[in-house]
C-alpha atoms as a PDB file:
ATOM      1  CA  MET A   1       0.088  -0.060   0.049  1.00  0.00           C
ATOM      2  CA  THR A   2       1.270   3.500  -0.887  1.00  0.00           C
ATOM      3  CA  THR A   3      -0.120   6.558   0.860  1.00  0.00           C
ATOM      4  CA  PHE A   4       0.231  10.247  -0.014  1.00  0.00           C
ATOM      5  CA  THR A   5      -0.510  13.055   2.403  1.00  0.00           C
ATOM      6  CA  ALA A   6      -0.635  16.712   2.337  1.00  0.00           C
ATOM      7  CA  SER A   7      -2.086  19.513   4.353  1.00  0.00           C
ATOM      8  CA  ARG A   8      -3.014  23.109   3.809  1.00  0.00           C
ATOM      9  CA  GLU A   9      -4.305  25.781   6.277  1.00  0.00           C
ATOM     10  CA  ILE A  10      -7.245  27.923   4.755  1.00  0.00           C
ATOM     11  CA  PRO A  11      -8.240  31.169   6.464  1.00  0.00           C
ATOM     12  CA  ALA A  12     -11.922  30.348   6.620  1.00  0.00           C
ATOM     13  CA  SER A  13     -14.261  28.381   8.924  1.00  0.00           C
ATOM     14  CA  ARG A  14     -14.580  24.656   8.688  1.00  0.00           C
ATOM     15  CA  GLU A  15     -18.269  25.093   7.536  1.00  0.00           C
ATOM     16  CA  GLN A  16     -17.088  27.428   4.758  1.00  0.00           C
ATOM     17  CA  VAL A  17     -14.448  25.108   3.485  1.00  0.00           C
ATOM     18  CA  PHE A  18     -16.970  22.187   3.728  1.00  0.00           C
ATOM     19  CA  SER A  19     -19.364  24.155   1.562  1.00  0.00           C
ATOM     20  CA  ALA A  20     -16.788  24.596  -0.983  1.00  0.00           C
ATOM     21  CA  ILE A  21     -16.282  20.872  -1.172  1.00  0.00           C
ATOM     22  CA  SER A  22     -19.913  19.845  -0.815  1.00  0.00           C
ATOM     23  CA  SER A  23     -21.334  22.266  -3.461  1.00  0.00           C
ATOM     24  CA  PRO A  24     -20.938  20.500  -6.808  1.00  0.00           C
ATOM     25  CA  GLU A  25     -20.942  23.934  -8.687  1.00  0.00           C
ATOM     26  CA  ARG A  26     -18.088  25.255  -6.483  1.00  0.00           C
ATOM     27  CA  LEU A  27     -16.190  22.043  -6.363  1.00  0.00           C
ATOM     28  CA  ALA A  28     -16.025  21.735 -10.174  1.00  0.00           C
ATOM     29  CA  ARG A  29     -14.427  25.211 -10.376  1.00  0.00           C
ATOM     30  CA  TRP A  30     -11.351  24.365  -8.308  1.00  0.00           C
ATOM     31  CA  TRP A  31     -10.967  20.573  -8.024  1.00  0.00           C
ATOM     32  CA  GLY A  32      -7.778  19.144  -9.625  1.00  0.00           C
ATOM     33  CA  PRO A  33      -4.300  20.502 -10.736  1.00  0.00           C
ATOM     34  CA  ALA A  34      -3.648  23.862 -12.090  1.00  0.00           C
ATOM     35  CA  GLY A  35      -4.965  24.386 -15.661  1.00  0.00           C
ATOM     36  CA  PHE A  36      -7.685  21.702 -15.329  1.00  0.00           C
ATOM     37  CA  SER A  37     -11.431  22.169 -15.683  1.00  0.00           C
ATOM     38  CA  ASN A  38     -14.144  19.711 -14.667  1.00  0.00           C
ATOM     39  CA  THR A  39     -17.459  18.456 -16.029  1.00  0.00           C
ATOM     40  CA  PHE A  40     -19.658  16.889 -13.215  1.00  0.00           C
ATOM     41  CA  ASP A  41     -22.195  14.303 -14.675  1.00  0.00           C
ATOM     42  CA  ILE A  42     -23.228  12.982 -11.122  1.00  0.00           C
ATOM     43  CA  CYS A  43     -22.272  14.409  -7.737  1.00  0.00           C
ATOM     44  CA  GLU A  44     -24.312  12.817  -4.962  1.00  0.00           C
ATOM     45  CA  LEU A  45     -22.372  14.060  -1.964  1.00  0.00           C
ATOM     46  CA  GLN A  46     -23.784  11.757   0.633  1.00  0.00           C
ATOM     47  CA  THR A  47     -22.442   8.434   2.107  1.00  0.00           C
ATOM     48  CA  GLY A  48     -22.959   5.936  -0.679  1.00  0.00           C
ATOM     49  CA  GLY A  49     -23.503   8.622  -3.406  1.00  0.00           C
ATOM     50  CA  ARG A  50     -21.804   8.512  -6.705  1.00  0.00           C
ATOM     51  CA  TRP A  51     -19.382  10.973  -8.223  1.00  0.00           C
ATOM     52  CA  VAL A  52     -18.872  10.727 -12.060  1.00  0.00           C
ATOM     53  CA  PHE A  53     -16.946  13.507 -13.676  1.00  0.00           C
ATOM     54  CA  THR A  54     -14.336  14.294 -16.515  1.00  0.00           C
ATOM     55  CA  MET A  55     -11.222  16.273 -15.778  1.00  0.00           C
ATOM     56  CA  HIS A  56     -10.132  18.233 -18.834  1.00  0.00           C
ATOM     57  CA  GLY A  57      -6.450  18.787 -18.928  1.00  0.00           C
ATOM     58  CA  PRO A  58      -4.663  21.881 -20.467  1.00  0.00           C
ATOM     59  CA  ASP A  59      -3.167  19.395 -23.054  1.00  0.00           C
ATOM     60  CA  GLY A  60      -6.682  18.882 -24.451  1.00  0.00           C
ATOM     61  CA  MET A  61      -7.088  15.382 -23.080  1.00  0.00           C
ATOM     62  CA  SER A  62     -10.150  14.460 -21.048  1.00  0.00           C
ATOM     63  CA  TYR A  63      -9.748  12.150 -17.912  1.00  0.00           C
ATOM     64  CA  PRO A  64     -12.883  10.343 -16.910  1.00  0.00           C
ATOM     65  CA  ASN A  65     -13.431   9.532 -13.119  1.00  0.00           C
ATOM     66  CA  GLU A  66     -15.765   7.667 -11.185  1.00  0.00           C
ATOM     67  CA  SER A  67     -15.983   7.349  -7.370  1.00  0.00           C
ATOM     68  CA  VAL A  68     -18.234   6.632  -4.571  1.00  0.00           C
ATOM     69  CA  PHE A  69     -18.567   8.714  -1.379  1.00  0.00           C
ATOM     70  CA  ALA A  70     -17.636   6.120   1.196  1.00  0.00           C
ATOM     71  CA  GLU A  71     -18.211   8.661   4.073  1.00  0.00           C
ATOM     72  CA  VAL A  72     -19.538  12.083   4.275  1.00  0.00           C
ATOM     73  CA  THR A  73     -19.586  13.624   7.862  1.00  0.00           C
ATOM     74  CA  GLU A  74     -20.538  17.259   7.669  1.00  0.00           C
ATOM     75  CA  PRO A  75     -18.542  19.477   8.234  1.00  0.00           C
ATOM     76  CA  GLU A  76     -15.544  17.426   9.209  1.00  0.00           C
ATOM     77  CA  ARG A  77     -14.739  14.609   6.753  1.00  0.00           C
ATOM     78  CA  VAL A  78     -15.211  13.293   3.184  1.00  0.00           C
ATOM     79  CA  VAL A  79     -13.917   9.885   2.109  1.00  0.00           C
ATOM     80  CA  VAL A  80     -13.901   9.253  -1.638  1.00  0.00           C
ATOM     81  CA  GLN A  81     -13.519   5.578  -3.133  1.00  0.00           C
ATOM     82  CA  HIS A  82     -12.238   6.200  -6.612  1.00  0.00           C
ATOM     83  CA  VAL A  83     -13.477   3.094  -8.358  1.00  0.00           C
ATOM     84  CA  SER A  84     -12.096   3.688 -11.982  1.00  0.00           C
ATOM     85  CA  SER A  85      -8.457   3.059 -12.556  1.00  0.00           C
ATOM     86  CA  PRO A  86      -6.289   3.678 -10.757  1.00  0.00           C
ATOM     87  CA  GLU A  87      -8.270   2.796  -7.697  1.00  0.00           C
ATOM     88  CA  PHE A  88      -7.441   4.529  -4.486  1.00  0.00           C
ATOM     89  CA  ARG A  89      -9.222   5.922  -1.296  1.00  0.00           C
ATOM     90  CA  LEU A  90      -9.063   9.638  -0.695  1.00  0.00           C
ATOM     91  CA  THR A  91      -9.742  11.131   2.700  1.00  0.00           C
ATOM     92  CA  ILE A  92     -10.249  14.785   3.303  1.00  0.00           C
ATOM     93  CA  ALA A  93     -10.342  15.850   7.006  1.00  0.00           C
ATOM     94  CA  LEU A  94     -11.139  19.336   8.148  1.00  0.00           C
ATOM     95  CA  GLU A  95      -9.753  20.520  11.392  1.00  0.00           C
ATOM     96  CA  VAL A  96     -10.602  23.670  13.299  1.00  0.00           C
ATOM     97  CA  ARG A  97      -7.739  25.987  13.827  1.00  0.00           C
ATOM     98  CA  LEU A  98      -7.721  29.551  15.283  1.00  0.00           C
ATOM     99  CA  GLY A  99      -9.263  31.608  12.566  1.00  0.00           C
ATOM    100  CA  ALA A 100      -8.667  28.977  10.054  1.00  0.00           C
ATOM    101  CA  THR A 101      -9.305  25.356   8.870  1.00  0.00           C
ATOM    102  CA  ARG A 102      -6.517  22.830   8.390  1.00  0.00           C
ATOM    103  CA  VAL A 103      -7.298  20.542   5.384  1.00  0.00           C
ATOM    104  CA  LEU A 104      -5.656  17.153   5.530  1.00  0.00           C
ATOM    105  CA  TRP A 105      -5.478  14.932   2.455  1.00  0.00           C
ATOM    106  CA  SER A 106      -4.657  11.280   2.544  1.00  0.00           C
ATOM    107  CA  GLN A 107      -4.723   9.230  -0.570  1.00  0.00           C
ATOM    108  CA  GLN A 108      -4.234   5.450  -0.287  1.00  0.00           C
ATOM    109  CA  PHE A 109      -3.323   3.097  -3.320  1.00  0.00           C
ATOM    110  CA  GLU A 110      -3.792  -0.556  -2.399  1.00  0.00           C
ATOM    111  CA  ASP A 111      -1.562  -1.168  -5.492  1.00  0.00           C
ATOM    112  CA  ALA A 112       1.592   0.660  -5.027  1.00  0.00           C
ATOM    113  CA  GLY A 113       2.293   0.107  -8.716  1.00  0.00           C
ATOM    114  CA  SER A 114      -0.739   2.305  -9.546  1.00  0.00           C
ATOM    115  CA  SER A 115       0.736   5.145  -7.720  1.00  0.00           C
ATOM    116  CA  LEU A 116       4.052   4.556  -9.435  1.00  0.00           C
ATOM    117  CA  ARG A 117       2.495   4.798 -12.896  1.00  0.00           C
ATOM    118  CA  MET A 118       1.033   8.069 -12.018  1.00  0.00           C
ATOM    119  CA  PRO A 119       4.178  10.350 -11.327  1.00  0.00           C
ATOM    120  CA  ALA A 120       2.181  13.576 -10.841  1.00  0.00           C
ATOM    121  CA  TRP A 121      -0.702  11.968  -9.116  1.00  0.00           C
ATOM    122  CA  PRO A 122      -0.297  13.337  -5.620  1.00  0.00           C
ATOM    123  CA  SER A 123      -0.655  16.873  -6.863  1.00  0.00           C
ATOM    124  CA  ALA A 124      -3.369  15.788  -9.363  1.00  0.00           C
ATOM    125  CA  CYS A 125      -5.528  14.689  -6.474  1.00  0.00           C
ATOM    126  CA  ARG A 126      -5.362  17.826  -4.522  1.00  0.00           C
ATOM    127  CA  PRO A 127      -6.630  21.042  -5.492  1.00  0.00           C
ATOM    128  CA  SER A 128      -3.977  23.220  -6.876  1.00  0.00           C
ATOM    129  CA  SER A 129      -5.463  26.206  -5.136  1.00  0.00           C
ATOM    130  CA  SER A 130      -7.488  26.775  -2.082  1.00  0.00           C
ATOM    131  CA  PRO A 131     -11.201  26.298  -2.439  1.00  0.00           C
ATOM    132  CA  PRO A 132     -12.962  29.645  -3.055  1.00  0.00           C
ATOM    133  CA  MET A 133     -14.845  30.677   0.076  1.00  0.00           C
ATOM    134  CA  SER A 134     -17.324  33.022  -1.569  1.00  0.00           C
ATOM    135  CA  LYS A 135     -20.618  31.558  -3.054  1.00  0.00           C
ATOM    136  CA  THR A 136     -19.979  33.086  -6.336  1.00  0.00           C
END
């Protein structure tokens, strides 16, 4: 098993950060590496809900994704089981800090070879920028 972890502190409340994750319209605007955009076909943010979307790379390529929300605990945790290749489990935990929220990302690949075939994968699974806190 291979695990990638990262964290980032965002100057917003945990509820605001969770809202940027739980709103499909907002999530589609910032999810993924710099230069990517997203088209969400299904985003049922609830435990057991499906998430089907396509990431569009700056190289013109499209990358289909399918996942299941294994756990959604508002406003503190979202666990995503990526069921299309490569398979992995992504846990996003939100911790309250003084005047901020610490976002913790943990991505587990059961097959270490899958993670090795994706040299840029750790950054590809984390937003390249902080989620926007405004509702616009």
